[in-house]
Amino acid sequence: MTELLQVVGAVFILIAFAAIQRGALAPHQFAYLALNLAGGIVLTYVAVAEQDWGFLLLEVVWSIVSAWGLLGLARKEKRPRRGGAVS
């Protein structure tokens, strides 16, 4: 079961990486960050299940950074926009 989860988590992260390389996504886009977070969470579970501490460290940090980016996007969307009509 953990082998299947490893593949699923890795595929999420690799899709995001390939999309960045092709220019289809930008590093601060929701889809990129969400794919990285999903992959990181899945791989964090695998690392805990297999007691692979180095891998766990990598995936926890990967997930935190991705979540931080998503929170930043959410905050930007909630801010009132400046500007308006110019007289």
N, C-alpha and C. Protein backbone atom coordinates (compact mmCIF):
# COMPACT_ATOMS: atom_id res chain seq x y z
N MET A 1 0.82 -1.21 0.00
CA MET A 1 0.00 0.00 0.00
C MET A 1 0.86 1.26 0.00
N THR A 2 1.94 1.27 0.81
CA THR A 2 2.76 2.47 0.86
C THR A 2 3.48 2.71 -0.46
N GLU A 3 3.76 1.65 -1.22
CA GLU A 3 4.40 1.84 -2.52
C GLU A 3 3.49 2.59 -3.48
N LEU A 4 2.21 2.25 -3.47
CA LEU A 4 1.25 2.96 -4.31
C LEU A 4 1.16 4.43 -3.89
N LEU A 5 1.12 4.67 -2.59
CA LEU A 5 1.06 6.05 -2.09
C LEU A 5 2.33 6.82 -2.46
N GLN A 6 3.48 6.17 -2.42
CA GLN A 6 4.72 6.84 -2.84
C GLN A 6 4.61 7.31 -4.28
N VAL A 7 4.09 6.45 -5.12
CA VAL A 7 3.95 6.81 -6.54
C VAL A 7 2.96 7.96 -6.71
N VAL A 8 1.83 7.90 -6.02
CA VAL A 8 0.82 8.95 -6.12
C VAL A 8 1.40 10.29 -5.65
N GLY A 9 2.04 10.30 -4.49
CA GLY A 9 2.63 11.54 -3.98
C GLY A 9 3.70 12.08 -4.91
N ALA A 10 4.54 11.21 -5.41
CA ALA A 10 5.61 11.64 -6.32
C ALA A 10 5.02 12.18 -7.62
N VAL A 11 3.97 11.56 -8.12
CA VAL A 11 3.35 12.03 -9.36
C VAL A 11 2.80 13.44 -9.18
N PHE A 12 2.15 13.73 -8.06
CA PHE A 12 1.65 15.09 -7.81
C PHE A 12 2.79 16.10 -7.89
N ILE A 13 3.87 15.81 -7.21
CA ILE A 13 4.99 16.75 -7.17
C ILE A 13 5.65 16.86 -8.54
N LEU A 14 5.78 15.74 -9.24
CA LEU A 14 6.40 15.77 -10.57
C LEU A 14 5.55 16.49 -11.61
N ILE A 15 4.24 16.37 -11.50
CA ILE A 15 3.35 17.12 -12.40
C ILE A 15 3.57 18.62 -12.19
N ALA A 16 3.62 19.04 -10.93
CA ALA A 16 3.86 20.45 -10.63
C ALA A 16 5.21 20.90 -11.18
N PHE A 17 6.23 20.10 -10.98
CA PHE A 17 7.57 20.44 -11.45
C PHE A 17 7.60 20.54 -12.98
N ALA A 18 7.02 19.58 -13.66
CA ALA A 18 7.00 19.60 -15.13
C ALA A 18 6.23 20.81 -15.65
N ALA A 19 5.13 21.15 -14.99
CA ALA A 19 4.34 22.32 -15.40
C ALA A 19 5.13 23.61 -15.26
N ILE A 20 5.92 23.71 -14.21
CA ILE A 20 6.79 24.89 -14.02
C ILE A 20 7.82 24.95 -15.15
N GLN A 21 8.44 23.82 -15.44
CA GLN A 21 9.48 23.79 -16.47
C GLN A 21 8.93 24.14 -17.85
N ARG A 22 7.69 23.74 -18.13
CA ARG A 22 7.06 24.04 -19.41
C ARG A 22 6.49 25.46 -19.47
N GLY A 23 6.41 26.12 -18.33
CA GLY A 23 5.82 27.45 -18.29
C GLY A 23 4.31 27.43 -18.19
N ALA A 24 3.75 26.27 -17.93
CA ALA A 24 2.29 26.14 -17.81
C ALA A 24 1.78 26.65 -16.46
N LEU A 25 2.65 26.64 -15.45
CA LEU A 25 2.30 27.15 -14.13
C LEU A 25 3.42 28.06 -13.64
N ALA A 26 3.08 28.92 -12.71
CA ALA A 26 4.05 29.78 -12.05
C ALA A 26 4.18 29.31 -10.60
N PRO A 27 5.33 29.59 -9.97
CA PRO A 27 5.56 29.08 -8.61
C PRO A 27 4.58 29.58 -7.55
N HIS A 28 3.88 30.67 -7.84
CA HIS A 28 2.96 31.20 -6.83
C HIS A 28 1.51 31.00 -7.22
N GLN A 29 1.26 30.09 -8.15
CA GLN A 29 -0.11 29.78 -8.53
C GLN A 29 -0.70 28.72 -7.61
N PHE A 30 -2.01 28.81 -7.44
CA PHE A 30 -2.72 27.88 -6.57
C PHE A 30 -2.48 26.43 -6.99
N ALA A 31 -2.61 26.12 -8.28
CA ALA A 31 -2.49 24.73 -8.73
C ALA A 31 -1.11 24.16 -8.41
N TYR A 32 -0.08 24.94 -8.63
CA TYR A 32 1.29 24.47 -8.34
C TYR A 32 1.45 24.17 -6.85
N LEU A 33 1.04 25.11 -6.02
CA LEU A 33 1.19 24.94 -4.58
C LEU A 33 0.30 23.81 -4.05
N ALA A 34 -0.90 23.68 -4.59
CA ALA A 34 -1.81 22.62 -4.16
C ALA A 34 -1.27 21.23 -4.52
N LEU A 35 -0.72 21.10 -5.73
CA LEU A 35 -0.11 19.82 -6.13
C LEU A 35 1.05 19.46 -5.22
N ASN A 36 1.89 20.45 -4.91
CA ASN A 36 3.02 20.20 -4.02
C ASN A 36 2.56 19.85 -2.62
N LEU A 37 1.55 20.53 -2.12
CA LEU A 37 1.04 20.22 -0.79
C LEU A 37 0.44 18.82 -0.74
N ALA A 38 -0.37 18.48 -1.74
CA ALA A 38 -0.98 17.15 -1.78
C ALA A 38 0.09 16.06 -1.83
N GLY A 39 1.07 16.25 -2.70
CA GLY A 39 2.15 15.27 -2.80
C GLY A 39 2.95 15.18 -1.52
N GLY A 40 3.23 16.33 -0.91
CA GLY A 40 3.99 16.36 0.34
C GLY A 40 3.26 15.67 1.48
N ILE A 41 1.95 15.87 1.56
CA ILE A 41 1.17 15.24 2.63
C ILE A 41 1.16 13.72 2.45
N VAL A 42 0.94 13.28 1.23
CA VAL A 42 0.93 11.83 0.97
C VAL A 42 2.29 11.23 1.31
N LEU A 43 3.36 11.88 0.87
CA LEU A 43 4.69 11.35 1.14
C LEU A 43 5.09 11.48 2.61
N THR A 44 4.53 12.45 3.31
CA THR A 44 4.76 12.55 4.76
C THR A 44 4.16 11.32 5.45
N TYR A 45 2.95 10.96 5.05
CA TYR A 45 2.31 9.76 5.61
C TYR A 45 3.18 8.53 5.37
N VAL A 46 3.69 8.40 4.15
CA VAL A 46 4.54 7.25 3.81
C VAL A 46 5.80 7.25 4.67
N ALA A 47 6.41 8.41 4.84
CA ALA A 47 7.64 8.51 5.64
C ALA A 47 7.39 8.11 7.10
N VAL A 48 6.24 8.51 7.65
CA VAL A 48 5.90 8.13 9.02
C VAL A 48 5.67 6.63 9.10
N ALA A 49 4.91 6.10 8.15
CA ALA A 49 4.60 4.67 8.16
C ALA A 49 5.86 3.82 8.06
N GLU A 50 6.85 4.30 7.32
CA GLU A 50 8.08 3.53 7.12
C GLU A 50 9.20 3.96 8.08
N GLN A 51 8.90 4.92 8.95
CA GLN A 51 9.88 5.44 9.92
C GLN A 51 11.18 5.86 9.22
N ASP A 52 11.01 6.58 8.12
CA ASP A 52 12.14 7.09 7.33
C ASP A 52 12.32 8.57 7.70
N TRP A 53 13.17 8.82 8.69
CA TRP A 53 13.23 10.14 9.33
C TRP A 53 13.78 11.23 8.42
N GLY A 54 14.76 10.93 7.58
CA GLY A 54 15.28 11.93 6.65
C GLY A 54 14.22 12.32 5.63
N PHE A 55 13.53 11.33 5.11
CA PHE A 55 12.45 11.56 4.16
C PHE A 55 11.31 12.31 4.83
N LEU A 56 11.02 11.99 6.08
CA LEU A 56 9.99 12.68 6.83
C LEU A 56 10.32 14.17 6.96
N LEU A 57 11.56 14.47 7.31
CA LEU A 57 11.97 15.87 7.43
C LEU A 57 11.75 16.60 6.11
N LEU A 58 12.20 16.02 5.02
CA LEU A 58 12.04 16.63 3.70
C LEU A 58 10.57 16.90 3.39
N GLU A 59 9.73 15.91 3.59
CA GLU A 59 8.33 16.05 3.21
C GLU A 59 7.54 16.97 4.14
N VAL A 60 7.87 16.98 5.42
CA VAL A 60 7.20 17.92 6.33
C VAL A 60 7.53 19.35 5.94
N VAL A 61 8.80 19.62 5.69
CA VAL A 61 9.19 20.98 5.29
C VAL A 61 8.56 21.32 3.94
N TRP A 62 8.57 20.40 3.00
CA TRP A 62 7.96 20.61 1.68
C TRP A 62 6.49 20.99 1.84
N SER A 63 5.79 20.26 2.70
CA SER A 63 4.37 20.52 2.92
C SER A 63 4.14 21.86 3.60
N ILE A 64 4.96 22.19 4.58
CA ILE A 64 4.82 23.47 5.29
C ILE A 64 5.04 24.64 4.34
N VAL A 65 6.08 24.55 3.52
CA VAL A 65 6.37 25.64 2.58
C VAL A 65 5.23 25.79 1.57
N SER A 66 4.69 24.68 1.09
CA SER A 66 3.57 24.74 0.15
C SER A 66 2.33 25.33 0.81
N ALA A 67 2.04 24.92 2.03
CA ALA A 67 0.89 25.45 2.76
C ALA A 67 1.07 26.94 3.03
N TRP A 68 2.29 27.33 3.36
CA TRP A 68 2.59 28.75 3.60
C TRP A 68 2.28 29.57 2.34
N GLY A 69 2.68 29.05 1.19
CA GLY A 69 2.40 29.73 -0.07
C GLY A 69 0.91 29.83 -0.34
N LEU A 70 0.16 28.77 -0.06
CA LEU A 70 -1.29 28.81 -0.25
C LEU A 70 -1.95 29.81 0.69
N LEU A 71 -1.47 29.87 1.93
CA LEU A 71 -2.01 30.87 2.87
C LEU A 71 -1.72 32.28 2.39
N GLY A 72 -0.53 32.48 1.84
CA GLY A 72 -0.19 33.79 1.28
C GLY A 72 -1.13 34.18 0.15
N LEU A 73 -1.45 33.23 -0.70
CA LEU A 73 -2.41 33.50 -1.78
C LEU A 73 -3.78 33.85 -1.23
N ALA A 74 -4.21 33.11 -0.22
CA ALA A 74 -5.53 33.36 0.38
C ALA A 74 -5.58 34.75 1.00
N ARG A 75 -4.50 35.15 1.64
CA ARG A 75 -4.45 36.49 2.25
C ARG A 75 -4.52 37.57 1.19
N LYS A 76 -3.81 37.38 0.07
CA LYS A 76 -3.83 38.37 -1.01
C LYS A 76 -5.22 38.53 -1.58
N GLU A 77 -5.94 37.44 -1.70
CA GLU A 77 -7.29 37.49 -2.26
C GLU A 77 -8.27 38.17 -1.33
N LYS A 78 -8.01 38.14 -0.03
CA LYS A 78 -8.93 38.74 0.94
C LYS A 78 -8.68 40.24 1.13
N ARG A 79 -7.49 40.71 0.75
CA ARG A 79 -7.18 42.13 0.92
C ARG A 79 -8.03 42.97 -0.02
N PRO A 80 -8.48 44.13 0.49
CA PRO A 80 -9.19 45.02 -0.41
C PRO A 80 -8.22 45.59 -1.43
N ARG A 81 -8.69 45.69 -2.64
CA ARG A 81 -7.83 46.21 -3.70
C ARG A 81 -7.81 47.74 -3.67
N ARG A 82 -6.62 48.27 -3.86
CA ARG A 82 -6.50 49.73 -3.94
C ARG A 82 -6.85 50.18 -5.34
N GLY A 83 -7.09 51.44 -5.42
CA GLY A 83 -7.32 51.98 -6.75
C GLY A 83 -8.76 52.38 -6.93
N GLY A 84 -9.14 52.40 -8.10
CA GLY A 84 -10.49 52.80 -8.44
C GLY A 84 -10.41 53.71 -9.64
N ALA A 85 -11.46 54.44 -9.84
CA ALA A 85 -11.52 55.32 -11.00
C ALA A 85 -10.60 56.52 -10.79
N VAL A 86 -9.91 56.89 -11.85
CA VAL A 86 -9.03 58.06 -11.81
C VAL A 86 -9.82 59.23 -12.35
N SER A 87 -9.81 60.35 -11.60
CA SER A 87 -10.59 61.50 -12.05
C SER A 87 -9.77 62.40 -12.90
